[in-house]
Amino acid sequence: MGILKIAKDLGVSVSATKLQKLVFLIEIELNFNLGYEFIPYYFGPFSKELQDDVYRLKNLGYVEVKKEAVEDFVSGAIIGFKKAYKISDKVTFDFSSLDKNFVEFVVTHLKIPLDDLLKYVYVKYPEYTVNSVIKDRVFKAKFSCPSLLNFFWNI
């Protein structure tokens, strides 16, 4: 919930994919053991346990899930849904005790466009892309901000 609280304070939306990648990076790069097992999946590293936790928090009223239809650009048919997560106003936990490195890491990475974050994860952790259905698109994409390339390789 710390990620979603920080996102709310920044006024930033957190998609399901971005949440998965952020938690993955927090576990790997900050060496925080949050108890999630990540496997190579359709959109890169994925944790079923993390997804289950989000929905458990939703059912308790702590997380709101907004679904947005994704349409096929040719036919207009709905082909899926994008999900965005937001922490509920009913959460009263004091987040001031969050680890400073965690907060800094999350603030920095929440501001990065999803495509750039995906490219970073896919390049740095290719073993988690073997089942990806978007790998070709991710590798063809250019960083939206060239300075991010230097940023990523210096963290």
C-alpha atoms as a PDB file:
ATOM      1  CA  MET A   1       0.000   0.000   0.000  1.00  0.00           C
ATOM      2  CA  GLY A   2       3.002   2.277   0.412  1.00  0.00           C
ATOM      3  CA  ILE A   3       3.392   2.526  -3.364  1.00  0.00           C
ATOM      4  CA  LEU A   4      -0.255   3.470  -3.798  1.00  0.00           C
ATOM      5  CA  LYS A   5      -0.080   6.057  -0.991  1.00  0.00           C
ATOM      6  CA  ILE A   6       2.971   7.670  -2.586  1.00  0.00           C
ATOM      7  CA  ALA A   7       1.235   7.599  -5.980  1.00  0.00           C
ATOM      8  CA  LYS A   8      -1.826   9.299  -4.502  1.00  0.00           C
ATOM      9  CA  ASP A   9       0.335  12.009  -2.930  1.00  0.00           C
ATOM     10  CA  LEU A  10       2.023  12.567  -6.313  1.00  0.00           C
ATOM     11  CA  GLY A  11      -1.278  12.504  -8.198  1.00  0.00           C
ATOM     12  CA  VAL A  12      -0.021   9.624 -10.340  1.00  0.00           C
ATOM     13  CA  SER A  13      -2.001   6.627 -11.572  1.00  0.00           C
ATOM     14  CA  VAL A  14      -0.618   3.116 -11.027  1.00  0.00           C
ATOM     15  CA  SER A  15      -1.544   0.506 -13.607  1.00  0.00           C
ATOM     16  CA  ALA A  16      -1.520  -3.191 -12.800  1.00  0.00           C
ATOM     17  CA  THR A  17       1.550  -3.639 -15.008  1.00  0.00           C
ATOM     18  CA  LYS A  18       3.421  -0.747 -13.414  1.00  0.00           C
ATOM     19  CA  LEU A  19       2.661  -2.021  -9.905  1.00  0.00           C
ATOM     20  CA  GLN A  20       3.999  -5.472 -10.815  1.00  0.00           C
ATOM     21  CA  LYS A  21       7.215  -3.997 -12.252  1.00  0.00           C
ATOM     22  CA  LEU A  22       7.742  -1.616  -9.324  1.00  0.00           C
ATOM     23  CA  VAL A  23       7.371  -4.342  -6.708  1.00  0.00           C
ATOM     24  CA  PHE A  24       9.649  -6.612  -8.773  1.00  0.00           C
ATOM     25  CA  LEU A  25      12.327  -3.896  -8.907  1.00  0.00           C
ATOM     26  CA  ILE A  26      11.943  -3.112  -5.200  1.00  0.00           C
ATOM     27  CA  GLU A  27      12.562  -6.759  -4.349  1.00  0.00           C
ATOM     28  CA  ILE A  28      15.501  -7.148  -6.760  1.00  0.00           C
ATOM     29  CA  GLU A  29      17.225  -3.765  -6.726  1.00  0.00           C
ATOM     30  CA  LEU A  30      16.528  -2.601  -3.174  1.00  0.00           C
ATOM     31  CA  ASN A  31      16.857  -6.166  -1.907  1.00  0.00           C
ATOM     32  CA  PHE A  32      13.592  -5.867   0.029  1.00  0.00           C
ATOM     33  CA  ASN A  33      11.969  -9.218   0.668  1.00  0.00           C
ATOM     34  CA  LEU A  34       8.266  -8.452   0.358  1.00  0.00           C
ATOM     35  CA  GLY A  35       7.399 -12.138   0.060  1.00  0.00           C
ATOM     36  CA  TYR A  36       6.429 -12.225  -3.609  1.00  0.00           C
ATOM     37  CA  GLU A  37       7.560 -14.816  -6.123  1.00  0.00           C
ATOM     38  CA  PHE A  38       7.900 -13.454  -9.647  1.00  0.00           C
ATOM     39  CA  ILE A  39       7.695 -15.615 -12.739  1.00  0.00           C
ATOM     40  CA  PRO A  40       8.124 -14.821 -16.448  1.00  0.00           C
ATOM     41  CA  TYR A  41       4.629 -14.046 -17.730  1.00  0.00           C
ATOM     42  CA  TYR A  42       2.754 -12.345 -20.564  1.00  0.00           C
ATOM     43  CA  PHE A  43       3.968  -8.844 -19.662  1.00  0.00           C
ATOM     44  CA  GLY A  44       7.286  -9.709 -18.020  1.00  0.00           C
ATOM     45  CA  PRO A  45       7.830 -10.416 -14.322  1.00  0.00           C
ATOM     46  CA  PHE A  46       4.540 -11.221 -12.607  1.00  0.00           C
ATOM     47  CA  SER A  47       3.517 -12.272  -9.108  1.00  0.00           C
ATOM     48  CA  LYS A  48       0.188 -14.002  -8.574  1.00  0.00           C
ATOM     49  CA  GLU A  49       0.560 -13.378  -4.837  1.00  0.00           C
ATOM     50  CA  LEU A  50       0.851  -9.627  -5.438  1.00  0.00           C
ATOM     51  CA  GLN A  51      -2.237  -9.656  -7.628  1.00  0.00           C
ATOM     52  CA  ASP A  52      -4.107 -11.642  -4.960  1.00  0.00           C
ATOM     53  CA  ASP A  53      -3.027  -9.156  -2.266  1.00  0.00           C
ATOM     54  CA  VAL A  54      -4.299  -6.205  -4.317  1.00  0.00           C
ATOM     55  CA  TYR A  55      -7.684  -7.863  -4.733  1.00  0.00           C
ATOM     56  CA  ARG A  56      -7.781  -8.804  -1.049  1.00  0.00           C
ATOM     57  CA  LEU A  57      -7.162  -5.133  -0.203  1.00  0.00           C
ATOM     58  CA  LYS A  58      -9.847  -4.153  -2.723  1.00  0.00           C
ATOM     59  CA  ASN A  59     -12.353  -6.468  -1.048  1.00  0.00           C
ATOM     60  CA  LEU A  60     -11.498  -4.878   2.307  1.00  0.00           C
ATOM     61  CA  GLY A  61     -12.095  -1.424   0.824  1.00  0.00           C
ATOM     62  CA  TYR A  62      -8.468  -0.250   1.034  1.00  0.00           C
ATOM     63  CA  VAL A  63      -7.752  -0.226  -2.703  1.00  0.00           C
ATOM     64  CA  GLU A  64      -9.931   1.004  -5.530  1.00  0.00           C
ATOM     65  CA  VAL A  65      -9.611  -0.639  -8.948  1.00  0.00           C
ATOM     66  CA  LYS A  66     -10.584   1.351 -12.013  1.00  0.00           C
ATOM     67  CA  LYS A  67     -11.092  -0.612 -15.229  1.00  0.00           C
ATOM     68  CA  GLU A  68     -10.832   1.021 -18.627  1.00  0.00           C
ATOM     69  CA  ALA A  69     -11.849  -0.829 -21.786  1.00  0.00           C
ATOM     70  CA  VAL A  70      -9.171  -1.415 -24.410  1.00  0.00           C
ATOM     71  CA  GLU A  71     -10.578  -1.364 -27.922  1.00  0.00           C
ATOM     72  CA  ASP A  72      -9.186  -2.883 -31.095  1.00  0.00           C
ATOM     73  CA  PHE A  73      -8.228   0.144 -33.184  1.00  0.00           C
ATOM     74  CA  VAL A  74      -9.565  -1.447 -36.382  1.00  0.00           C
ATOM     75  CA  SER A  75     -12.852  -3.019 -35.325  1.00  0.00           C
ATOM     76  CA  GLY A  76     -13.600  -1.012 -32.201  1.00  0.00           C
ATOM     77  CA  ALA A  77     -14.328  -4.257 -30.346  1.00  0.00           C
ATOM     78  CA  ILE A  78     -13.342  -4.421 -26.688  1.00  0.00           C
ATOM     79  CA  ILE A  79     -10.337  -6.726 -26.459  1.00  0.00           C
ATOM     80  CA  GLY A  80      -9.479  -6.303 -22.803  1.00  0.00           C
ATOM     81  CA  PHE A  81      -9.258  -3.950 -19.863  1.00  0.00           C
ATOM     82  CA  LYS A  82      -6.525  -1.801 -18.359  1.00  0.00           C
ATOM     83  CA  LYS A  83      -6.614  -1.598 -14.588  1.00  0.00           C
ATOM     84  CA  ALA A  84      -5.438   1.292 -12.447  1.00  0.00           C
ATOM     85  CA  TYR A  85      -5.096   1.084  -8.683  1.00  0.00           C
ATOM     86  CA  LYS A  86      -5.674   3.829  -6.143  1.00  0.00           C
ATOM     87  CA  ILE A  87      -5.466   3.740  -2.362  1.00  0.00           C
ATOM     88  CA  SER A  88      -8.801   4.381  -0.675  1.00  0.00           C
ATOM     89  CA  ASP A  89      -9.436   7.477   1.419  1.00  0.00           C
ATOM     90  CA  LYS A  90     -10.372   5.167   4.283  1.00  0.00           C
ATOM     91  CA  VAL A  91      -6.723   4.100   4.758  1.00  0.00           C
ATOM     92  CA  THR A  92      -5.416   5.829   7.886  1.00  0.00           C
ATOM     93  CA  PHE A  93      -2.053   4.076   8.247  1.00  0.00           C
ATOM     94  CA  ASP A  94       0.848   6.399   9.134  1.00  0.00           C
ATOM     95  CA  PHE A  95       3.217   6.103   6.201  1.00  0.00           C
ATOM     96  CA  SER A  96       5.867   8.381   7.736  1.00  0.00           C
ATOM     97  CA  SER A  97       7.745   5.304   8.952  1.00  0.00           C
ATOM     98  CA  LEU A  98       8.402   4.039   5.411  1.00  0.00           C
ATOM     99  CA  ASP A  99      12.061   3.406   4.589  1.00  0.00           C
ATOM    100  CA  LYS A 100      13.591   6.515   2.968  1.00  0.00           C
ATOM    101  CA  ASN A 101      15.300   4.495   0.201  1.00  0.00           C
ATOM    102  CA  PHE A 102      11.969   2.850  -0.580  1.00  0.00           C
ATOM    103  CA  VAL A 103      10.160   6.188  -0.800  1.00  0.00           C
ATOM    104  CA  GLU A 104      12.862   7.742  -2.991  1.00  0.00           C
ATOM    105  CA  PHE A 105      12.922   4.699  -5.283  1.00  0.00           C
ATOM    106  CA  VAL A 106       9.127   4.646  -5.632  1.00  0.00           C
ATOM    107  CA  VAL A 107       8.841   8.407  -6.231  1.00  0.00           C
ATOM    108  CA  THR A 108      11.504   8.248  -8.936  1.00  0.00           C
ATOM    109  CA  HIS A 109      10.061   5.191 -10.675  1.00  0.00           C
ATOM    110  CA  LEU A 110       6.420   6.306 -10.526  1.00  0.00           C
ATOM    111  CA  LYS A 111       7.370   9.322 -12.633  1.00  0.00           C
ATOM    112  CA  ILE A 112       8.862   7.140 -15.378  1.00  0.00           C
ATOM    113  CA  PRO A 113       6.537   6.357 -18.306  1.00  0.00           C
ATOM    114  CA  LEU A 114       5.422   2.715 -18.327  1.00  0.00           C
ATOM    115  CA  ASP A 115       7.021   1.967 -21.713  1.00  0.00           C
ATOM    116  CA  ASP A 116      10.397   3.198 -20.436  1.00  0.00           C
ATOM    117  CA  LEU A 117      10.062   1.190 -17.230  1.00  0.00           C
ATOM    118  CA  LEU A 118       9.177  -1.918 -19.239  1.00  0.00           C
ATOM    119  CA  LYS A 119      12.158  -1.423 -21.547  1.00  0.00           C
ATOM    120  CA  TYR A 120      14.481  -1.138 -18.551  1.00  0.00           C
ATOM    121  CA  VAL A 121      13.092  -4.297 -16.913  1.00  0.00           C
ATOM    122  CA  TYR A 122      13.153  -6.225 -20.198  1.00  0.00           C
ATOM    123  CA  VAL A 123      16.757  -5.254 -21.002  1.00  0.00           C
ATOM    124  CA  LYS A 124      18.141  -5.733 -17.507  1.00  0.00           C
ATOM    125  CA  TYR A 125      16.187  -8.903 -16.630  1.00  0.00           C
ATOM    126  CA  PRO A 126      15.673 -10.794 -19.924  1.00  0.00           C
ATOM    127  CA  GLU A 127      15.077 -14.081 -18.103  1.00  0.00           C
ATOM    128  CA  TYR A 128      11.680 -12.677 -17.086  1.00  0.00           C
ATOM    129  CA  THR A 129      10.645 -11.936 -20.683  1.00  0.00           C
ATOM    130  CA  VAL A 130      10.660 -15.446 -22.144  1.00  0.00           C
ATOM    131  CA  ASN A 131       6.842 -15.705 -22.067  1.00  0.00           C
ATOM    132  CA  SER A 132       6.134 -12.069 -22.880  1.00  0.00           C
ATOM    133  CA  VAL A 133       3.571 -11.314 -25.572  1.00  0.00           C
ATOM    134  CA  ILE A 134       4.789  -7.696 -25.819  1.00  0.00           C
ATOM    135  CA  LYS A 135       8.545  -8.335 -25.960  1.00  0.00           C
ATOM    136  CA  ASP A 136       8.939  -7.313 -29.607  1.00  0.00           C
ATOM    137  CA  ARG A 137       7.033  -4.075 -29.062  1.00  0.00           C
ATOM    138  CA  VAL A 138       9.011  -3.261 -25.923  1.00  0.00           C
ATOM    139  CA  PHE A 139      12.384  -3.855 -27.566  1.00  0.00           C
ATOM    140  CA  LYS A 140      11.441  -1.784 -30.629  1.00  0.00           C
ATOM    141  CA  ALA A 141      10.305   1.168 -28.533  1.00  0.00           C
ATOM    142  CA  LYS A 142      12.717   3.991 -27.927  1.00  0.00           C
ATOM    143  CA  PHE A 143      13.041   5.648 -24.556  1.00  0.00           C
ATOM    144  CA  SER A 144      10.672   8.615 -24.523  1.00  0.00           C
ATOM    145  CA  CYS A 145      13.317  10.629 -22.740  1.00  0.00           C
ATOM    146  CA  PRO A 146      16.920   9.812 -23.783  1.00  0.00           C
ATOM    147  CA  SER A 147      18.273  10.994 -20.425  1.00  0.00           C
ATOM    148  CA  LEU A 148      16.397   8.091 -18.832  1.00  0.00           C
ATOM    149  CA  LEU A 149      18.791   5.701 -20.541  1.00  0.00           C
ATOM    150  CA  ASN A 150      21.704   7.125 -18.536  1.00  0.00           C
ATOM    151  CA  PHE A 151      19.586   7.273 -15.393  1.00  0.00           C
ATOM    152  CA  PHE A 152      18.664   3.611 -15.596  1.00  0.00           C
ATOM    153  CA  TRP A 153      22.177   2.353 -16.057  1.00  0.00           C
ATOM    154  CA  ASN A 154      23.474   4.460 -13.177  1.00  0.00           C
ATOM    155  CA  ILE A 155      21.058   3.187 -10.515  1.00  0.00           C
END
